[in-house]
Amino acid sequence: MCKKTKGIMALALAFVCLMPRMIVNAEEAAPVTEAAPVTEVAPAEAVPTEYVSPEAQLYNQTAAEVSVAQATRQLVLIGDSRTVGMKSAVGKNGNIWSAKIGMGYSWMKSTGVPQVEANINSNTDVVILMGVNDVRSLSYTSKYTSYINEKAANWTALGASVYYVSVNPMAFETSSYPGITNSVIESWNSKMKSGLSANVTYIDTYSQVLGKVSSSDGIHYSRGTYKTIYSLIGQGILADKTEKAYAAALAATQPTPEVAVVPQEPVPAY
């Protein structure tokens, strides 16, 4: 073997002997990268569903149904100068209005009701807004309730609903309307409410707007106040119908009580 070949073999043998040491040194020199810790993800908690009782579900369903039905009904409003002002503020709005400035019981009976009575049917809500011109004579409440109760019996027989709206407050007392005070109006409203029959629903707007009405003369309101009262009347009608419909729906869900059958004693044969 030539010297050149022997030299190459010696170098190769030396390289093979040094290889493990080089690998170890390389591993020692390389930085050790630690694995990032695994963050445990907590399972998402289920969002609790708010419990709604069967009664509440029934009420909500009933309220929605009443609201839809009410949208197609027509109001027949009978009143005095305040009702004239309300009509001016809200517009005809698909309603039938019978109102005249300065009127009271006599006009309501002779003209106010008769001129719209033919329009009252099963799709009608009759709304009476009268009394402010008669509040100084509390004895008139018996005339009002007697007449309204009589008419309501006929109208409800047709399927209509009937409402009497409280006489609303004075914005301020004035000599222009002597004797008309809020204390007098409250007495009037109390007598009217107690004298109305079950066919007439009393809507109390007085307490809701007391101290909040806007007026230039004390008795007649601003357009904004009229709009507020009109809205409250609508809310009162909805509330009344919802409560009645809910009571009927709830009663229908109750089980019919079982009638105990008493065993009959055998009839002796003669």
C-alpha atoms as a PDB file:
ATOM      1  CA  MET A   1       0.000   0.000   0.000  1.00  0.00           C
ATOM      2  CA  CYS A   2       1.404   3.354  -0.924  1.00  0.00           C
ATOM      3  CA  LYS A   3       2.122   6.052   1.611  1.00  0.00           C
ATOM      4  CA  LYS A   4      -0.516   8.337   0.159  1.00  0.00           C
ATOM      5  CA  THR A   5      -3.244   5.746   0.621  1.00  0.00           C
ATOM      6  CA  LYS A   6      -2.091   4.999   4.175  1.00  0.00           C
ATOM      7  CA  GLY A   7      -2.320   8.702   5.020  1.00  0.00           C
ATOM      8  CA  ILE A   8      -5.869   9.027   3.752  1.00  0.00           C
ATOM      9  CA  MET A   9      -6.977   5.987   5.746  1.00  0.00           C
ATOM     10  CA  ALA A  10      -5.374   7.380   8.889  1.00  0.00           C
ATOM     11  CA  LEU A  11      -7.240  10.675   8.505  1.00  0.00           C
ATOM     12  CA  ALA A  12     -10.538   8.874   7.953  1.00  0.00           C
ATOM     13  CA  LEU A  13     -10.006   6.738  11.043  1.00  0.00           C
ATOM     14  CA  ALA A  14      -9.226   9.787  13.134  1.00  0.00           C
ATOM     15  CA  PHE A  15     -12.399  11.566  11.902  1.00  0.00           C
ATOM     16  CA  VAL A  16     -14.537   8.563  12.794  1.00  0.00           C
ATOM     17  CA  CYS A  17     -13.062   8.499  16.300  1.00  0.00           C
ATOM     18  CA  LEU A  18     -13.702  12.207  16.829  1.00  0.00           C
ATOM     19  CA  MET A  19     -17.325  12.186  15.493  1.00  0.00           C
ATOM     20  CA  PRO A  20     -19.110  11.139  18.763  1.00  0.00           C
ATOM     21  CA  ARG A  21     -17.219  13.813  20.706  1.00  0.00           C
ATOM     22  CA  MET A  22     -18.182  16.472  18.132  1.00  0.00           C
ATOM     23  CA  ILE A  23     -21.830  15.485  18.329  1.00  0.00           C
ATOM     24  CA  VAL A  24     -21.801  15.634  22.135  1.00  0.00           C
ATOM     25  CA  ASN A  25     -20.099  19.037  22.078  1.00  0.00           C
ATOM     26  CA  ALA A  26     -22.632  20.317  19.534  1.00  0.00           C
ATOM     27  CA  GLU A  27     -25.539  19.156  21.726  1.00  0.00           C
ATOM     28  CA  GLU A  28     -23.953  20.835  24.754  1.00  0.00           C
ATOM     29  CA  ALA A  29     -23.468  24.075  22.807  1.00  0.00           C
ATOM     30  CA  ALA A  30     -27.031  24.216  21.431  1.00  0.00           C
ATOM     31  CA  PRO A  31     -29.411  26.153  23.680  1.00  0.00           C
ATOM     32  CA  VAL A  32     -32.191  24.109  25.168  1.00  0.00           C
ATOM     33  CA  THR A  33     -35.627  25.553  24.421  1.00  0.00           C
ATOM     34  CA  GLU A  34     -38.218  24.628  26.997  1.00  0.00           C
ATOM     35  CA  ALA A  35     -41.695  23.878  25.765  1.00  0.00           C
ATOM     36  CA  ALA A  36     -44.254  26.564  26.626  1.00  0.00           C
ATOM     37  CA  PRO A  37     -46.572  25.449  29.407  1.00  0.00           C
ATOM     38  CA  VAL A  38     -49.990  24.364  28.211  1.00  0.00           C
ATOM     39  CA  THR A  39     -52.703  26.603  29.579  1.00  0.00           C
ATOM     40  CA  GLU A  40     -55.778  24.682  30.498  1.00  0.00           C
ATOM     41  CA  VAL A  41     -58.952  26.271  29.098  1.00  0.00           C
ATOM     42  CA  ALA A  42     -61.789  26.093  31.552  1.00  0.00           C
ATOM     43  CA  PRO A  43     -65.049  24.944  29.978  1.00  0.00           C
ATOM     44  CA  ALA A  44     -67.421  27.850  29.339  1.00  0.00           C
ATOM     45  CA  GLU A  45     -70.210  28.009  31.851  1.00  0.00           C
ATOM     46  CA  ALA A  46     -73.693  27.821  30.417  1.00  0.00           C
ATOM     47  CA  VAL A  47     -75.533  31.134  30.603  1.00  0.00           C
ATOM     48  CA  PRO A  48     -78.502  30.536  32.886  1.00  0.00           C
ATOM     49  CA  THR A  49     -81.858  31.059  31.209  1.00  0.00           C
ATOM     50  CA  GLU A  50     -84.152  33.302  33.213  1.00  0.00           C
ATOM     51  CA  TYR A  51     -87.113  31.312  34.410  1.00  0.00           C
ATOM     52  CA  VAL A  52     -90.466  32.514  33.182  1.00  0.00           C
ATOM     53  CA  SER A  53     -93.444  31.015  34.948  1.00  0.00           C
ATOM     54  CA  PRO A  54     -96.297  29.533  32.895  1.00  0.00           C
ATOM     55  CA  GLU A  55     -98.550  32.297  34.212  1.00  0.00           C
ATOM     56  CA  ALA A  56     -96.127  34.994  33.028  1.00  0.00           C
ATOM     57  CA  GLN A  57     -95.840  33.325  29.633  1.00  0.00           C
ATOM     58  CA  LEU A  58     -99.616  33.238  29.345  1.00  0.00           C
ATOM     59  CA  TYR A  59     -99.869  36.893  30.356  1.00  0.00           C
ATOM     60  CA  ASN A  60     -97.250  37.972  27.807  1.00  0.00           C
ATOM     61  CA  GLN A  61     -98.956  35.989  25.070  1.00  0.00           C
ATOM     62  CA  THR A  62    -102.332  37.460  25.997  1.00  0.00           C
ATOM     63  CA  ALA A  63    -100.949  41.010  26.050  1.00  0.00           C
ATOM     64  CA  ALA A  64     -99.465  40.547  22.583  1.00  0.00           C
ATOM     65  CA  GLU A  65    -102.741  39.209  21.198  1.00  0.00           C
ATOM     66  CA  VAL A  66    -104.748  42.051  22.737  1.00  0.00           C
ATOM     67  CA  SER A  67    -102.328  44.626  21.339  1.00  0.00           C
ATOM     68  CA  VAL A  68    -102.722  43.218  17.822  1.00  0.00           C
ATOM     69  CA  ALA A  69    -106.520  43.122  18.090  1.00  0.00           C
ATOM     70  CA  GLN A  70    -106.668  46.651  19.504  1.00  0.00           C
ATOM     71  CA  ALA A  71    -104.867  48.084  16.475  1.00  0.00           C
ATOM     72  CA  THR A  72    -107.940  47.464  14.318  1.00  0.00           C
ATOM     73  CA  ARG A  73    -110.542  48.815  16.743  1.00  0.00           C
ATOM     74  CA  GLN A  74    -112.147  52.233  16.457  1.00  0.00           C
ATOM     75  CA  LEU A  75    -112.567  54.775  19.229  1.00  0.00           C
ATOM     76  CA  VAL A  76    -115.710  56.853  19.593  1.00  0.00           C
ATOM     77  CA  LEU A  77    -114.814  59.819  21.805  1.00  0.00           C
ATOM     78  CA  ILE A  78    -117.493  62.027  23.352  1.00  0.00           C
ATOM     79  CA  GLY A  79    -116.479  65.175  25.199  1.00  0.00           C
ATOM     80  CA  ASP A  80    -116.295  68.919  25.719  1.00  0.00           C
ATOM     81  CA  SER A  81    -113.769  71.647  24.861  1.00  0.00           C
ATOM     82  CA  ARG A  82    -110.901  69.588  26.229  1.00  0.00           C
ATOM     83  CA  THR A  83    -111.819  66.831  23.795  1.00  0.00           C
ATOM     84  CA  VAL A  84    -111.954  69.407  21.001  1.00  0.00           C
ATOM     85  CA  GLY A  85    -108.401  70.369  21.939  1.00  0.00           C
ATOM     86  CA  MET A  86    -107.313  66.736  22.039  1.00  0.00           C
ATOM     87  CA  LYS A  87    -108.662  66.101  18.551  1.00  0.00           C
ATOM     88  CA  SER A  88    -106.777  69.159  17.315  1.00  0.00           C
ATOM     89  CA  ALA A  89    -103.564  67.855  18.894  1.00  0.00           C
ATOM     90  CA  VAL A  90    -103.668  64.217  17.760  1.00  0.00           C
ATOM     91  CA  GLY A  91    -105.767  64.489  14.608  1.00  0.00           C
ATOM     92  CA  LYS A  92    -108.791  62.412  13.734  1.00  0.00           C
ATOM     93  CA  ASN A  93    -106.522  59.351  13.853  1.00  0.00           C
ATOM     94  CA  GLY A  94    -109.177  57.034  12.461  1.00  0.00           C
ATOM     95  CA  ASN A  95    -111.486  57.789  15.387  1.00  0.00           C
ATOM     96  CA  ILE A  96    -114.994  59.209  15.547  1.00  0.00           C
ATOM     97  CA  TRP A  97    -115.197  62.396  17.597  1.00  0.00           C
ATOM     98  CA  SER A  98    -118.265  64.052  19.101  1.00  0.00           C
ATOM     99  CA  ALA A  99    -117.160  67.118  21.047  1.00  0.00           C
ATOM    100  CA  LYS A 100    -118.178  70.726  21.535  1.00  0.00           C
ATOM    101  CA  ILE A 101    -116.824  73.645  23.544  1.00  0.00           C
ATOM    102  CA  GLY A 102    -118.585  74.461  26.824  1.00  0.00           C
ATOM    103  CA  MET A 103    -120.857  71.435  26.854  1.00  0.00           C
ATOM    104  CA  GLY A 104    -122.020  69.232  29.720  1.00  0.00           C
ATOM    105  CA  TYR A 105    -124.608  66.631  30.660  1.00  0.00           C
ATOM    106  CA  SER A 106    -127.580  68.073  28.746  1.00  0.00           C
ATOM    107  CA  TRP A 107    -125.666  68.286  25.464  1.00  0.00           C
ATOM    108  CA  MET A 108    -124.158  64.811  25.954  1.00  0.00           C
ATOM    109  CA  LYS A 109    -127.620  63.325  26.314  1.00  0.00           C
ATOM    110  CA  SER A 110    -129.400  65.321  23.605  1.00  0.00           C
ATOM    111  CA  THR A 111    -126.669  65.562  20.968  1.00  0.00           C
ATOM    112  CA  GLY A 112    -123.230  64.243  21.887  1.00  0.00           C
ATOM    113  CA  VAL A 113    -124.199  60.588  22.156  1.00  0.00           C
ATOM    114  CA  PRO A 114    -127.059  60.448  19.607  1.00  0.00           C
ATOM    115  CA  GLN A 115    -124.951  61.836  16.772  1.00  0.00           C
ATOM    116  CA  VAL A 116    -122.424  58.978  16.989  1.00  0.00           C
ATOM    117  CA  GLU A 117    -124.432  56.131  18.478  1.00  0.00           C
ATOM    118  CA  ALA A 118    -125.103  54.529  15.095  1.00  0.00           C
ATOM    119  CA  ASN A 119    -121.350  53.965  14.735  1.00  0.00           C
ATOM    120  CA  ILE A 120    -121.078  51.883  17.903  1.00  0.00           C
ATOM    121  CA  ASN A 121    -120.649  48.164  17.281  1.00  0.00           C
ATOM    122  CA  SER A 122    -118.574  45.147  18.308  1.00  0.00           C
ATOM    123  CA  ASN A 123    -115.394  46.809  17.035  1.00  0.00           C
ATOM    124  CA  THR A 124    -115.873  50.001  19.058  1.00  0.00           C
ATOM    125  CA  ASP A 125    -114.388  51.421  22.227  1.00  0.00           C
ATOM    126  CA  VAL A 126    -116.582  54.233  23.533  1.00  0.00           C
ATOM    127  CA  VAL A 127    -114.616  56.843  25.496  1.00  0.00           C
ATOM    128  CA  ILE A 128    -116.495  59.504  27.468  1.00  0.00           C
ATOM    129  CA  LEU A 129    -114.499  62.565  28.531  1.00  0.00           C
ATOM    130  CA  MET A 130    -117.094  64.830  30.088  1.00  0.00           C
ATOM    131  CA  GLY A 131    -117.796  66.540  33.373  1.00  0.00           C
ATOM    132  CA  VAL A 132    -115.432  69.491  33.792  1.00  0.00           C
ATOM    133  CA  ASN A 133    -118.219  71.957  33.011  1.00  0.00           C
ATOM    134  CA  ASP A 134    -120.484  70.320  35.605  1.00  0.00           C
ATOM    135  CA  VAL A 135    -118.058  69.614  38.471  1.00  0.00           C
ATOM    136  CA  ARG A 136    -119.368  72.548  40.510  1.00  0.00           C
ATOM    137  CA  SER A 137    -122.641  70.634  40.879  1.00  0.00           C
ATOM    138  CA  LEU A 138    -121.668  67.292  42.400  1.00  0.00           C
ATOM    139  CA  SER A 139    -125.293  66.167  42.308  1.00  0.00           C
ATOM    140  CA  TYR A 140    -124.876  65.873  38.551  1.00  0.00           C
ATOM    141  CA  THR A 141    -122.741  62.789  39.048  1.00  0.00           C
ATOM    142  CA  SER A 142    -125.878  60.724  39.658  1.00  0.00           C
ATOM    143  CA  LYS A 143    -127.322  61.941  36.354  1.00  0.00           C
ATOM    144  CA  TYR A 144    -124.101  61.127  34.534  1.00  0.00           C
ATOM    145  CA  THR A 145    -123.719  57.641  35.995  1.00  0.00           C
ATOM    146  CA  SER A 146    -127.377  56.768  35.476  1.00  0.00           C
ATOM    147  CA  TYR A 147    -127.296  57.770  31.807  1.00  0.00           C
ATOM    148  CA  ILE A 148    -123.872  56.290  31.049  1.00  0.00           C
ATOM    149  CA  ASN A 149    -124.738  53.008  32.786  1.00  0.00           C
ATOM    150  CA  GLU A 150    -127.959  52.745  30.788  1.00  0.00           C
ATOM    151  CA  LYS A 151    -126.168  53.341  27.492  1.00  0.00           C
ATOM    152  CA  ALA A 152    -123.275  51.068  28.404  1.00  0.00           C
ATOM    153  CA  ALA A 153    -125.659  48.154  28.933  1.00  0.00           C
ATOM    154  CA  ASN A 154    -126.851  48.554  25.346  1.00  0.00           C
ATOM    155  CA  TRP A 155    -123.384  49.127  23.872  1.00  0.00           C
ATOM    156  CA  THR A 156    -121.711  46.209  25.619  1.00  0.00           C
ATOM    157  CA  ALA A 157    -124.551  43.974  24.424  1.00  0.00           C
ATOM    158  CA  LEU A 158    -123.381  44.872  20.911  1.00  0.00           C
ATOM    159  CA  GLY A 159    -119.825  43.862  21.827  1.00  0.00           C
ATOM    160  CA  ALA A 160    -118.450  47.358  22.404  1.00  0.00           C
ATOM    161  CA  SER A 161    -116.304  48.384  25.371  1.00  0.00           C
ATOM    162  CA  VAL A 162    -117.142  51.511  27.368  1.00  0.00           C
ATOM    163  CA  TYR A 163    -114.780  53.812  29.282  1.00  0.00           C
ATOM    164  CA  TYR A 164    -115.235  56.915  31.377  1.00  0.00           C
ATOM    165  CA  VAL A 165    -112.090  59.023  31.701  1.00  0.00           C
ATOM    166  CA  SER A 166    -111.547  60.989  34.900  1.00  0.00           C
ATOM    167  CA  VAL A 167    -111.958  64.749  34.721  1.00  0.00           C
ATOM    168  CA  ASN A 168    -108.367  65.944  34.527  1.00  0.00           C
ATOM    169  CA  PRO A 169    -106.785  68.564  36.818  1.00  0.00           C
ATOM    170  CA  MET A 170    -106.600  72.307  36.568  1.00  0.00           C
ATOM    171  CA  ALA A 171    -103.106  73.541  35.780  1.00  0.00           C
ATOM    172  CA  PHE A 172    -103.831  76.415  38.153  1.00  0.00           C
ATOM    173  CA  GLU A 173    -106.925  77.916  39.721  1.00  0.00           C
ATOM    174  CA  THR A 174    -108.248  81.067  38.103  1.00  0.00           C
ATOM    175  CA  SER A 175    -111.101  83.522  38.531  1.00  0.00           C
ATOM    176  CA  SER A 176    -111.959  82.893  34.897  1.00  0.00           C
ATOM    177  CA  TYR A 177    -113.342  79.515  36.005  1.00  0.00           C
ATOM    178  CA  PRO A 178    -114.570  80.154  39.560  1.00  0.00           C
ATOM    179  CA  GLY A 179    -115.332  77.118  41.676  1.00  0.00           C
ATOM    180  CA  ILE A 180    -113.419  74.683  39.495  1.00  0.00           C
ATOM    181  CA  THR A 181    -110.612  73.463  41.722  1.00  0.00           C
ATOM    182  CA  ASN A 182    -108.687  70.231  41.904  1.00  0.00           C
ATOM    183  CA  SER A 183    -110.290  69.330  45.227  1.00  0.00           C
ATOM    184  CA  VAL A 184    -113.720  69.671  43.604  1.00  0.00           C
ATOM    185  CA  ILE A 185    -112.557  67.641  40.605  1.00  0.00           C
ATOM    186  CA  GLU A 186    -111.278  64.894  42.908  1.00  0.00           C
ATOM    187  CA  SER A 187    -114.658  64.705  44.647  1.00  0.00           C
ATOM    188  CA  TRP A 188    -116.360  64.491  41.263  1.00  0.00           C
ATOM    189  CA  ASN A 189    -114.078  61.709  40.091  1.00  0.00           C
ATOM    190  CA  SER A 190    -114.603  59.740  43.281  1.00  0.00           C
ATOM    191  CA  LYS A 191    -118.390  59.867  42.920  1.00  0.00           C
ATOM    192  CA  MET A 192    -118.244  58.960  39.249  1.00  0.00           C
ATOM    193  CA  LYS A 193    -115.963  55.997  39.833  1.00  0.00           C
ATOM    194  CA  SER A 194    -118.149  54.564  42.584  1.00  0.00           C
ATOM    195  CA  GLY A 195    -121.363  55.113  40.614  1.00  0.00           C
ATOM    196  CA  LEU A 196    -120.394  53.462  37.337  1.00  0.00           C
ATOM    197  CA  SER A 197    -121.622  49.953  36.609  1.00  0.00           C
ATOM    198  CA  ALA A 198    -119.508  46.915  35.773  1.00  0.00           C
ATOM    199  CA  ASN A 199    -120.131  47.660  32.090  1.00  0.00           C
ATOM    200  CA  VAL A 200    -118.053  50.842  32.338  1.00  0.00           C
ATOM    201  CA  THR A 201    -114.325  50.904  33.035  1.00  0.00           C
ATOM    202  CA  TYR A 202    -113.016  53.990  34.810  1.00  0.00           C
ATOM    203  CA  ILE A 203    -109.674  55.261  33.482  1.00  0.00           C
ATOM    204  CA  ASP A 204    -107.765  57.403  35.962  1.00  0.00           C
ATOM    205  CA  THR A 205    -105.628  59.860  34.028  1.00  0.00           C
ATOM    206  CA  TYR A 206    -106.071  62.580  36.671  1.00  0.00           C
ATOM    207  CA  SER A 207    -103.508  61.154  39.099  1.00  0.00           C
ATOM    208  CA  GLN A 208    -101.040  60.462  36.295  1.00  0.00           C
ATOM    209  CA  VAL A 209    -100.922  64.045  35.006  1.00  0.00           C
ATOM    210  CA  LEU A 210    -101.539  65.980  38.229  1.00  0.00           C
ATOM    211  CA  GLY A 211     -98.858  68.648  38.533  1.00  0.00           C
ATOM    212  CA  LYS A 212     -97.579  67.906  35.031  1.00  0.00           C
ATOM    213  CA  VAL A 213    -100.117  69.617  32.772  1.00  0.00           C
ATOM    214  CA  SER A 214     -99.306  72.691  30.708  1.00  0.00           C
ATOM    215  CA  SER A 215    -101.968  75.360  30.153  1.00  0.00           C
ATOM    216  CA  SER A 216    -102.267  79.044  29.318  1.00  0.00           C
ATOM    217  CA  ASP A 217    -105.653  79.565  30.995  1.00  0.00           C
ATOM    218  CA  GLY A 218    -105.656  76.881  33.698  1.00  0.00           C
ATOM    219  CA  ILE A 219    -108.292  74.598  32.209  1.00  0.00           C
ATOM    220  CA  HIS A 220    -107.362  73.981  28.568  1.00  0.00           C
ATOM    221  CA  TYR A 221    -104.090  72.237  27.863  1.00  0.00           C
ATOM    222  CA  SER A 222    -101.146  72.525  25.528  1.00  0.00           C
ATOM    223  CA  ARG A 223    -100.888  70.201  22.549  1.00  0.00           C
ATOM    224  CA  GLY A 224     -98.222  68.190  24.335  1.00  0.00           C
ATOM    225  CA  THR A 225    -100.457  67.621  27.364  1.00  0.00           C
ATOM    226  CA  TYR A 226    -103.375  66.563  25.183  1.00  0.00           C
ATOM    227  CA  LYS A 227    -101.141  64.061  23.398  1.00  0.00           C
ATOM    228  CA  THR A 228     -99.991  62.669  26.741  1.00  0.00           C
ATOM    229  CA  ILE A 229    -103.556  62.209  27.979  1.00  0.00           C
ATOM    230  CA  TYR A 230    -104.591  60.588  24.696  1.00  0.00           C
ATOM    231  CA  SER A 231    -101.706  58.136  25.040  1.00  0.00           C
ATOM    232  CA  LEU A 232    -102.645  57.359  28.647  1.00  0.00           C
ATOM    233  CA  ILE A 233    -106.206  56.612  27.570  1.00  0.00           C
ATOM    234  CA  GLY A 234    -104.894  54.133  25.013  1.00  0.00           C
ATOM    235  CA  GLN A 235    -102.690  52.513  27.644  1.00  0.00           C
ATOM    236  CA  GLY A 236    -105.629  52.292  30.033  1.00  0.00           C
ATOM    237  CA  ILE A 237    -107.768  50.550  27.429  1.00  0.00           C
ATOM    238  CA  LEU A 238    -104.992  48.063  26.654  1.00  0.00           C
ATOM    239  CA  ALA A 239    -104.394  47.345  30.334  1.00  0.00           C
ATOM    240  CA  ASP A 240    -108.092  46.760  30.964  1.00  0.00           C
ATOM    241  CA  LYS A 241    -108.513  44.399  28.035  1.00  0.00           C
ATOM    242  CA  THR A 242    -105.317  42.530  28.803  1.00  0.00           C
ATOM    243  CA  GLU A 243    -106.336  41.922  32.420  1.00  0.00           C
ATOM    244  CA  LYS A 244    -109.776  40.678  31.400  1.00  0.00           C
ATOM    245  CA  ALA A 245    -108.444  38.457  28.611  1.00  0.00           C
ATOM    246  CA  TYR A 246    -105.735  37.057  30.888  1.00  0.00           C
ATOM    247  CA  ALA A 247    -108.248  36.231  33.617  1.00  0.00           C
ATOM    248  CA  ALA A 248    -110.368  34.356  31.077  1.00  0.00           C
ATOM    249  CA  ALA A 249    -107.353  32.535  29.613  1.00  0.00           C
ATOM    250  CA  LEU A 250    -106.086  31.581  33.062  1.00  0.00           C
ATOM    251  CA  ALA A 251    -109.479  30.258  34.092  1.00  0.00           C
ATOM    252  CA  ALA A 252    -109.568  28.127  30.943  1.00  0.00           C
ATOM    253  CA  THR A 253    -106.322  26.410  31.959  1.00  0.00           C
ATOM    254  CA  GLN A 254    -107.651  25.331  35.347  1.00  0.00           C
ATOM    255  CA  PRO A 255    -108.869  21.742  35.614  1.00  0.00           C
ATOM    256  CA  THR A 256    -112.586  21.274  35.929  1.00  0.00           C
ATOM    257  CA  PRO A 257    -113.343  20.183  39.492  1.00  0.00           C
ATOM    258  CA  GLU A 258    -114.611  16.647  39.696  1.00  0.00           C
ATOM    259  CA  VAL A 259    -118.116  16.230  40.948  1.00  0.00           C
ATOM    260  CA  ALA A 260    -118.334  13.523  43.553  1.00  0.00           C
ATOM    261  CA  VAL A 261    -120.883  10.899  42.672  1.00  0.00           C
ATOM    262  CA  VAL A 262    -122.840   9.773  45.688  1.00  0.00           C
ATOM    263  CA  PRO A 263    -123.774   6.105  45.367  1.00  0.00           C
ATOM    264  CA  GLN A 264    -127.489   5.597  45.404  1.00  0.00           C
ATOM    265  CA  GLU A 265    -128.982   3.241  47.897  1.00  0.00           C
ATOM    266  CA  PRO A 266    -130.880   0.381  46.358  1.00  0.00           C
ATOM    267  CA  VAL A 267    -134.590   0.876  46.318  1.00  0.00           C
ATOM    268  CA  PRO A 268    -136.216  -1.919  48.274  1.00  0.00           C
ATOM    269  CA  ALA A 269    -138.615  -4.038  46.270  1.00  0.00           C
ATOM    270  CA  TYR A 270    -142.096  -4.376  47.619  1.00  0.00           C
END
